[in-house]
Amino acid sequence: MTSSAIVWLMNEPSGSPIRKDAVRPYWAKALELIPDLHFELSTTLVGVNSITFCYRGPLGMSAECFHFGSDQKAHWPFAHYAA
């Protein structure tokens, strides 16, 4: 996972990577800081071997993109936030 939220939430300057074993601590910290965390789905965009969820969250309008490998698992997830 690559996200600018990782920069400020996990103090990771690169914004990446969030490995599978780091997902739980990431969300635990997010829920600790924003206990009423919720997301409002705006739209879903489907591409070739990819999907993007556009939503409003605590950082405003956001999009998370997932690119899938031949095994149908997300190999390149990344997030974008309104500037």
PDB file of N, CA and C in Angstrom:
ATOM      1  N   MET A   1       0.848  -1.177   0.000  1.00  0.00           N
ATOM      2  CA  MET A   1       0.000   0.000   0.000  1.00  0.00           C
ATOM      3  C   MET A   1       0.885   1.228   0.000  1.00  0.00           C
ATOM      4  N   THR A   2       0.556   2.182  -0.819  1.00  0.00           N
ATOM      5  CA  THR A   2       1.244   3.470  -0.851  1.00  0.00           C
ATOM      6  C   THR A   2       0.197   4.564  -0.652  1.00  0.00           C
ATOM      7  N   SER A   3       0.462   5.457   0.290  1.00  0.00           N
ATOM      8  CA  SER A   3      -0.506   6.494   0.620  1.00  0.00           C
ATOM      9  C   SER A   3       0.191   7.626   1.360  1.00  0.00           C
ATOM     10  N   SER A   4      -0.195   8.864   1.046  1.00  0.00           N
ATOM     11  CA  SER A   4       0.357   9.992   1.801  1.00  0.00           C
ATOM     12  C   SER A   4      -0.134   9.962   3.248  1.00  0.00           C
ATOM     13  N   ALA A   5      -1.246   9.263   3.527  1.00  0.00           N
ATOM     14  CA  ALA A   5      -1.712   9.122   4.912  1.00  0.00           C
ATOM     15  C   ALA A   5      -0.697   8.314   5.723  1.00  0.00           C
ATOM     16  N   ILE A   6       0.025   7.415   5.062  1.00  0.00           N
ATOM     17  CA  ILE A   6       1.057   6.631   5.747  1.00  0.00           C
ATOM     18  C   ILE A   6       2.178   7.545   6.225  1.00  0.00           C
ATOM     19  N   VAL A   7       2.451   8.602   5.456  1.00  0.00           N
ATOM     20  CA  VAL A   7       3.503   9.551   5.831  1.00  0.00           C
ATOM     21  C   VAL A   7       3.213  10.135   7.200  1.00  0.00           C
ATOM     22  N   TRP A   8       2.008  10.688   7.390  1.00  0.00           N
ATOM     23  CA  TRP A   8       1.711  11.359   8.666  1.00  0.00           C
ATOM     24  C   TRP A   8       1.235  10.408   9.743  1.00  0.00           C
ATOM     25  N   LEU A   9       0.579   9.320   9.374  1.00  0.00           N
ATOM     26  CA  LEU A   9       0.031   8.415  10.379  1.00  0.00           C
ATOM     27  C   LEU A   9       1.081   7.464  10.951  1.00  0.00           C
ATOM     28  N   MET A  10       1.956   6.969  10.094  1.00  0.00           N
ATOM     29  CA  MET A  10       2.949   5.987  10.526  1.00  0.00           C
ATOM     30  C   MET A  10       4.364   6.566  10.567  1.00  0.00           C
ATOM     31  N   ASN A  11       4.479   7.878  10.274  1.00  0.00           N
ATOM     32  CA  ASN A  11       5.782   8.541  10.263  1.00  0.00           C
ATOM     33  C   ASN A  11       6.751   7.828   9.318  1.00  0.00           C
ATOM     34  N   GLU A  12       6.242   7.476   8.146  1.00  0.00           N
ATOM     35  CA  GLU A  12       7.035   6.799   7.116  1.00  0.00           C
ATOM     36  C   GLU A  12       7.170   7.752   5.931  1.00  0.00           C
ATOM     37  N   PRO A  13       8.318   8.449   5.807  1.00  0.00           N
ATOM     38  CA  PRO A  13       8.483   9.492   4.795  1.00  0.00           C
ATOM     39  C   PRO A  13       8.206   9.057   3.357  1.00  0.00           C
ATOM     40  N   SER A  14       8.442   7.808   3.032  1.00  0.00           N
ATOM     41  CA  SER A  14       8.227   7.350   1.655  1.00  0.00           C
ATOM     42  C   SER A  14       6.749   7.170   1.316  1.00  0.00           C
ATOM     43  N   GLY A  15       5.897   7.087   2.346  1.00  0.00           N
ATOM     44  CA  GLY A  15       4.476   6.814   2.102  1.00  0.00           C
ATOM     45  C   GLY A  15       4.233   5.374   1.694  1.00  0.00           C
ATOM     46  N   SER A  16       5.291   4.580   1.751  1.00  0.00           N
ATOM     47  CA  SER A  16       5.217   3.199   1.309  1.00  0.00           C
ATOM     48  C   SER A  16       6.411   2.453   1.872  1.00  0.00           C
ATOM     49  N   PRO A  17       6.411   1.207   1.971  1.00  0.00           N
ATOM     50  CA  PRO A  17       5.273   0.344   1.729  1.00  0.00           C
ATOM     51  C   PRO A  17       4.559  -0.015   3.027  1.00  0.00           C
ATOM     52  N   ILE A  18       3.307  -0.300   2.902  1.00  0.00           N
ATOM     53  CA  ILE A  18       2.569  -0.931   3.995  1.00  0.00           C
ATOM     54  C   ILE A  18       2.467  -2.393   3.580  1.00  0.00           C
ATOM     55  N   ARG A  19       3.216  -3.213   4.237  1.00  0.00           N
ATOM     56  CA  ARG A  19       3.158  -4.648   3.969  1.00  0.00           C
ATOM     57  C   ARG A  19       1.946  -5.235   4.685  1.00  0.00           C
ATOM     58  N   LYS A  20       1.601  -6.430   4.321  1.00  0.00           N
ATOM     59  CA  LYS A  20       0.432  -7.090   4.891  1.00  0.00           C
ATOM     60  C   LYS A  20       0.484  -7.107   6.419  1.00  0.00           C
ATOM     61  N   ASP A  21       1.669  -7.370   7.002  1.00  0.00           N
ATOM     62  CA  ASP A  21       1.782  -7.431   8.456  1.00  0.00           C
ATOM     63  C   ASP A  21       1.714  -6.062   9.129  1.00  0.00           C
ATOM     64  N   ALA A  22       1.739  -4.981   8.352  1.00  0.00           N
ATOM     65  CA  ALA A  22       1.660  -3.639   8.921  1.00  0.00           C
ATOM     66  C   ALA A  22       0.262  -3.035   8.793  1.00  0.00           C
ATOM     67  N   VAL A  23      -0.648  -3.744   8.160  1.00  0.00           N
ATOM     68  CA  VAL A  23      -2.000  -3.200   7.944  1.00  0.00           C
ATOM     69  C   VAL A  23      -2.751  -3.029   9.270  1.00  0.00           C
ATOM     70  N   ARG A  24      -2.689  -4.030  10.133  1.00  0.00           N
ATOM     71  CA  ARG A  24      -3.404  -3.952  11.418  1.00  0.00           C
ATOM     72  C   ARG A  24      -2.927  -2.761  12.261  1.00  0.00           C
ATOM     73  N   PRO A  25      -1.616  -2.562  12.468  1.00  0.00           N
ATOM     74  CA  PRO A  25      -1.170  -1.399  13.235  1.00  0.00           C
ATOM     75  C   PRO A  25      -1.564  -0.070  12.586  1.00  0.00           C
ATOM     76  N   TYR A  26      -1.567  -0.022  11.262  1.00  0.00           N
ATOM     77  CA  TYR A  26      -1.967   1.187  10.534  1.00  0.00           C
ATOM     78  C   TYR A  26      -3.416   1.556  10.860  1.00  0.00           C
ATOM     79  N   TRP A  27      -4.323   0.584  10.728  1.00  0.00           N
ATOM     80  CA  TRP A  27      -5.737   0.855  10.991  1.00  0.00           C
ATOM     81  C   TRP A  27      -6.012   1.058  12.479  1.00  0.00           C
ATOM     82  N   ALA A  28      -5.270   0.377  13.337  1.00  0.00           N
ATOM     83  CA  ALA A  28      -5.437   0.576  14.783  1.00  0.00           C
ATOM     84  C   ALA A  28      -5.103   2.018  15.153  1.00  0.00           C
ATOM     85  N   LYS A  29      -4.023   2.543  14.579  1.00  0.00           N
ATOM     86  CA  LYS A  29      -3.638   3.925  14.866  1.00  0.00           C
ATOM     87  C   LYS A  29      -4.659   4.904  14.285  1.00  0.00           C
ATOM     88  N   ALA A  30      -5.137   4.629  13.081  1.00  0.00           N
ATOM     89  CA  ALA A  30      -6.143   5.488  12.457  1.00  0.00           C
ATOM     90  C   ALA A  30      -7.404   5.544  13.318  1.00  0.00           C
ATOM     91  N   LEU A  31      -7.856   4.398  13.805  1.00  0.00           N
ATOM     92  CA  LEU A  31      -9.070   4.358  14.626  1.00  0.00           C
ATOM     93  C   LEU A  31      -8.843   4.975  16.000  1.00  0.00           C
ATOM     94  N   GLU A  32      -7.628   4.928  16.489  1.00  0.00           N
ATOM     95  CA  GLU A  32      -7.309   5.584  17.758  1.00  0.00           C
ATOM     96  C   GLU A  32      -7.399   7.106  17.608  1.00  0.00           C
ATOM     97  N   LEU A  33      -6.906   7.629  16.484  1.00  0.00           N
ATOM     98  CA  LEU A  33      -6.919   9.069  16.236  1.00  0.00           C
ATOM     99  C   LEU A  33      -8.285   9.584  15.775  1.00  0.00           C
ATOM    100  N   ILE A  34      -9.013   8.737  15.040  1.00  0.00           N
ATOM    101  CA  ILE A  34     -10.319   9.123  14.493  1.00  0.00           C
ATOM    102  C   ILE A  34     -11.306   8.011  14.816  1.00  0.00           C
ATOM    103  N   PRO A  35     -11.805   7.956  16.067  1.00  0.00           N
ATOM    104  CA  PRO A  35     -12.650   6.832  16.481  1.00  0.00           C
ATOM    105  C   PRO A  35     -13.951   6.683  15.691  1.00  0.00           C
ATOM    106  N   ASP A  36     -14.467   7.786  15.141  1.00  0.00           N
ATOM    107  CA  ASP A  36     -15.714   7.699  14.367  1.00  0.00           C
ATOM    108  C   ASP A  36     -15.428   7.659  12.859  1.00  0.00           C
ATOM    109  N   LEU A  37     -14.295   7.107  12.486  1.00  0.00           N
ATOM    110  CA  LEU A  37     -13.861   7.028  11.101  1.00  0.00           C
ATOM    111  C   LEU A  37     -14.925   6.359  10.235  1.00  0.00           C
ATOM    112  N   HIS A  38     -15.256   7.022   9.139  1.00  0.00           N
ATOM    113  CA  HIS A  38     -16.167   6.407   8.169  1.00  0.00           C
ATOM    114  C   HIS A  38     -15.881   6.978   6.783  1.00  0.00           C
ATOM    115  N   PHE A  39     -16.343   6.274   5.778  1.00  0.00           N
ATOM    116  CA  PHE A  39     -16.121   6.638   4.388  1.00  0.00           C
ATOM    117  C   PHE A  39     -17.451   6.619   3.657  1.00  0.00           C
ATOM    118  N   GLU A  40     -17.639   7.565   2.756  1.00  0.00           N
ATOM    119  CA  GLU A  40     -18.862   7.632   1.953  1.00  0.00           C
ATOM    120  C   GLU A  40     -18.484   7.389   0.493  1.00  0.00           C
ATOM    121  N   LEU A  41     -18.851   6.221  -0.028  1.00  0.00           N
ATOM    122  CA  LEU A  41     -18.513   5.859  -1.399  1.00  0.00           C
ATOM    123  C   LEU A  41     -19.211   6.792  -2.373  1.00  0.00           C
ATOM    124  N   SER A  42     -18.449   7.353  -3.295  1.00  0.00           N
ATOM    125  CA  SER A  42     -18.987   8.236  -4.322  1.00  0.00           C
ATOM    126  C   SER A  42     -19.222   7.467  -5.621  1.00  0.00           C
ATOM    127  N   THR A  43     -18.188   6.765  -6.074  1.00  0.00           N
ATOM    128  CA  THR A  43     -18.309   5.976  -7.300  1.00  0.00           C
ATOM    129  C   THR A  43     -17.222   4.910  -7.336  1.00  0.00           C
ATOM    130  N   THR A  44     -17.437   3.927  -8.190  1.00  0.00           N
ATOM    131  CA  THR A  44     -16.462   2.873  -8.414  1.00  0.00           C
ATOM    132  C   THR A  44     -16.130   2.864  -9.899  1.00  0.00           C
ATOM    133  N   LEU A  45     -14.839   2.864 -10.199  1.00  0.00           N
ATOM    134  CA  LEU A  45     -14.379   2.845 -11.585  1.00  0.00           C
ATOM    135  C   LEU A  45     -13.664   1.523 -11.833  1.00  0.00           C
ATOM    136  N   VAL A  46     -14.009   0.873 -12.943  1.00  0.00           N
ATOM    137  CA  VAL A  46     -13.429  -0.426 -13.259  1.00  0.00           C
ATOM    138  C   VAL A  46     -12.594  -0.297 -14.522  1.00  0.00           C
ATOM    139  N   GLY A  47     -11.370  -0.833 -14.472  1.00  0.00           N
ATOM    140  CA  GLY A  47     -10.477  -0.820 -15.624  1.00  0.00           C
ATOM    141  C   GLY A  47     -10.026  -2.224 -15.948  1.00  0.00           C
ATOM    142  N   VAL A  48      -9.031  -2.327 -16.799  1.00  0.00           N
ATOM    143  CA  VAL A  48      -8.458  -3.619 -17.145  1.00  0.00           C
ATOM    144  C   VAL A  48      -7.539  -4.043 -16.000  1.00  0.00           C
ATOM    145  N   ASN A  49      -7.909  -5.100 -15.312  1.00  0.00           N
ATOM    146  CA  ASN A  49      -7.141  -5.607 -14.167  1.00  0.00           C
ATOM    147  C   ASN A  49      -6.952  -4.578 -13.060  1.00  0.00           C
ATOM    148  N   SER A  50      -7.917  -3.693 -12.901  1.00  0.00           N
ATOM    149  CA  SER A  50      -7.826  -2.691 -11.839  1.00  0.00           C
ATOM    150  C   SER A  50      -9.216  -2.186 -11.463  1.00  0.00           C
ATOM    151  N   ILE A  51      -9.281  -1.598 -10.273  1.00  0.00           N
ATOM    152  CA  ILE A  51     -10.516  -0.988  -9.792  1.00  0.00           C
ATOM    153  C   ILE A  51     -10.138   0.218  -8.935  1.00  0.00           C
ATOM    154  N   THR A  52     -10.953   1.262  -8.993  1.00  0.00           N
ATOM    155  CA  THR A  52     -10.725   2.468  -8.205  1.00  0.00           C
ATOM    156  C   THR A  52     -12.007   2.811  -7.461  1.00  0.00           C
ATOM    157  N   PHE A  53     -11.867   3.027  -6.165  1.00  0.00           N
ATOM    158  CA  PHE A  53     -12.985   3.459  -5.331  1.00  0.00           C
ATOM    159  C   PHE A  53     -12.796   4.941  -5.027  1.00  0.00           C
ATOM    160  N   CYS A  54     -13.768   5.760  -5.389  1.00  0.00           N
ATOM    161  CA  CYS A  54     -13.739   7.190  -5.079  1.00  0.00           C
ATOM    162  C   CYS A  54     -14.695   7.416  -3.914  1.00  0.00           C
ATOM    163  N   TYR A  55     -14.221   8.133  -2.907  1.00  0.00           N
ATOM    164  CA  TYR A  55     -15.026   8.294  -1.702  1.00  0.00           C
ATOM    165  C   TYR A  55     -14.656   9.574  -0.968  1.00  0.00           C
ATOM    166  N   ARG A  56     -15.516   9.963  -0.046  1.00  0.00           N
ATOM    167  CA  ARG A  56     -15.228  11.073   0.855  1.00  0.00           C
ATOM    168  C   ARG A  56     -14.892  10.457   2.205  1.00  0.00           C
ATOM    169  N   GLY A  57     -13.759  10.862   2.736  1.00  0.00           N
ATOM    170  CA  GLY A  57     -13.301  10.365   4.028  1.00  0.00           C
ATOM    171  C   GLY A  57     -12.770  11.506   4.869  1.00  0.00           C
ATOM    172  N   PRO A  58     -12.022  11.212   5.916  1.00  0.00           N
ATOM    173  CA  PRO A  58     -11.526  12.259   6.805  1.00  0.00           C
ATOM    174  C   PRO A  58     -10.557  13.226   6.125  1.00  0.00           C
ATOM    175  N   LEU A  59      -9.988  12.842   4.986  1.00  0.00           N
ATOM    176  CA  LEU A  59      -9.081  13.728   4.246  1.00  0.00           C
ATOM    177  C   LEU A  59      -9.766  14.361   3.049  1.00  0.00           C
ATOM    178  N   GLY A  60     -11.095  14.325   3.021  1.00  0.00           N
ATOM    179  CA  GLY A  60     -11.850  14.888   1.903  1.00  0.00           C
ATOM    180  C   GLY A  60     -12.007  13.873   0.790  1.00  0.00           C
ATOM    181  N   MET A  61     -12.169  14.374  -0.452  1.00  0.00           N
ATOM    182  CA  MET A  61     -12.319  13.462  -1.584  1.00  0.00           C
ATOM    183  C   MET A  61     -11.041  12.654  -1.749  1.00  0.00           C
ATOM    184  N   SER A  62     -11.229  11.358  -1.949  1.00  0.00           N
ATOM    185  CA  SER A  62     -10.108  10.428  -2.022  1.00  0.00           C
ATOM    186  C   SER A  62     -10.412   9.352  -3.055  1.00  0.00           C
ATOM    187  N   ALA A  63      -9.350   8.669  -3.479  1.00  0.00           N
ATOM    188  CA  ALA A  63      -9.499   7.531  -4.390  1.00  0.00           C
ATOM    189  C   ALA A  63      -8.452   6.484  -4.030  1.00  0.00           C
ATOM    190  N   GLU A  64      -8.862   5.252  -4.023  1.00  0.00           N
ATOM    191  CA  GLU A  64      -7.930   4.147  -3.807  1.00  0.00           C
ATOM    192  C   GLU A  64      -7.996   3.248  -5.019  1.00  0.00           C
ATOM    193  N   CYS A  65      -6.829   2.993  -5.584  1.00  0.00           N
ATOM    194  CA  CYS A  65      -6.709   2.205  -6.806  1.00  0.00           C
ATOM    195  C   CYS A  65      -6.024   0.882  -6.493  1.00  0.00           C
ATOM    196  N   PHE A  66      -6.537  -0.162  -7.069  1.00  0.00           N
ATOM    197  CA  PHE A  66      -5.980  -1.495  -6.873  1.00  0.00           C
ATOM    198  C   PHE A  66      -5.723  -2.107  -8.243  1.00  0.00           C
ATOM    199  N   HIS A  67      -4.473  -2.462  -8.516  1.00  0.00           N
ATOM    200  CA  HIS A  67      -4.111  -3.163  -9.743  1.00  0.00           C
ATOM    201  C   HIS A  67      -3.894  -4.624  -9.387  1.00  0.00           C
ATOM    202  N   PHE A  68      -4.493  -5.497 -10.171  1.00  0.00           N
ATOM    203  CA  PHE A  68      -4.465  -6.924  -9.885  1.00  0.00           C
ATOM    204  C   PHE A  68      -3.476  -7.657 -10.769  1.00  0.00           C
ATOM    205  N   GLY A  69      -2.782  -8.644 -10.175  1.00  0.00           N
ATOM    206  CA  GLY A  69      -1.872  -9.501 -10.914  1.00  0.00           C
ATOM    207  C   GLY A  69      -2.625 -10.664 -11.536  1.00  0.00           C
ATOM    208  N   SER A  70      -1.902 -11.523 -12.205  1.00  0.00           N
ATOM    209  CA  SER A  70      -2.517 -12.674 -12.873  1.00  0.00           C
ATOM    210  C   SER A  70      -3.160 -13.636 -11.875  1.00  0.00           C
ATOM    211  N   ASP A  71      -2.763 -13.543 -10.591  1.00  0.00           N
ATOM    212  CA  ASP A  71      -3.364 -14.384  -9.550  1.00  0.00           C
ATOM    213  C   ASP A  71      -4.638 -13.770  -8.976  1.00  0.00           C
ATOM    214  N   GLN A  72      -5.078 -12.632  -9.547  1.00  0.00           N
ATOM    215  CA  GLN A  72      -6.285 -11.911  -9.135  1.00  0.00           C
ATOM    216  C   GLN A  72      -6.169 -11.295  -7.737  1.00  0.00           C
ATOM    217  N   LYS A  73      -4.950 -11.114  -7.252  1.00  0.00           N
ATOM    218  CA  LYS A  73      -4.714 -10.434  -5.973  1.00  0.00           C
ATOM    219  C   LYS A  73      -4.196  -9.033  -6.257  1.00  0.00           C
ATOM    220  N   ALA A  74      -4.561  -8.095  -5.380  1.00  0.00           N
ATOM    221  CA  ALA A  74      -4.091  -6.717  -5.539  1.00  0.00           C
ATOM    222  C   ALA A  74      -2.603  -6.654  -5.233  1.00  0.00           C
ATOM    223  N   HIS A  75      -1.832  -6.269  -6.222  1.00  0.00           N
ATOM    224  CA  HIS A  75      -0.386  -6.193  -6.062  1.00  0.00           C
ATOM    225  C   HIS A  75       0.118  -4.757  -5.982  1.00  0.00           C
ATOM    226  N   TRP A  76      -0.649  -3.794  -6.476  1.00  0.00           N
ATOM    227  CA  TRP A  76      -0.199  -2.419  -6.505  1.00  0.00           C
ATOM    228  C   TRP A  76      -1.288  -1.479  -6.016  1.00  0.00           C
ATOM    229  N   PRO A  77      -1.637  -1.537  -4.725  1.00  0.00           N
ATOM    230  CA  PRO A  77      -2.657  -0.607  -4.218  1.00  0.00           C
ATOM    231  C   PRO A  77      -2.028   0.733  -3.854  1.00  0.00           C
ATOM    232  N   PHE A  78      -2.719   1.816  -4.199  1.00  0.00           N
ATOM    233  CA  PHE A  78      -2.251   3.135  -3.806  1.00  0.00           C
ATOM    234  C   PHE A  78      -3.441   4.069  -3.654  1.00  0.00           C
ATOM    235  N   ALA A  79      -3.240   5.119  -2.856  1.00  0.00           N
ATOM    236  CA  ALA A  79      -4.327   6.054  -2.553  1.00  0.00           C
ATOM    237  C   ALA A  79      -3.964   7.463  -2.981  1.00  0.00           C
ATOM    238  N   HIS A  80      -4.994   8.236  -3.300  1.00  0.00           N
ATOM    239  CA  HIS A  80      -4.835   9.642  -3.680  1.00  0.00           C
ATOM    240  C   HIS A  80      -5.848  10.452  -2.881  1.00  0.00           C
ATOM    241  N   TYR A  81      -5.441  11.667  -2.509  1.00  0.00           N
ATOM    242  CA  TYR A  81      -6.295  12.567  -1.736  1.00  0.00           C
ATOM    243  C   TYR A  81      -6.378  13.923  -2.410  1.00  0.00           C
ATOM    244  N   ALA A  82      -7.494  14.600  -2.225  1.00  0.00           N
ATOM    245  CA  ALA A  82      -7.671  15.935  -2.820  1.00  0.00           C
ATOM    246  C   ALA A  82      -6.569  16.869  -2.324  1.00  0.00           C
ATOM    247  N   ALA A  83      -6.060  17.661  -3.241  1.00  0.00           N
ATOM    248  CA  ALA A  83      -4.981  18.602  -2.899  1.00  0.00           C
ATOM    249  C   ALA A  83      -5.553  19.851  -2.264  1.00  0.00           C
TER     250      ALA A  83
END
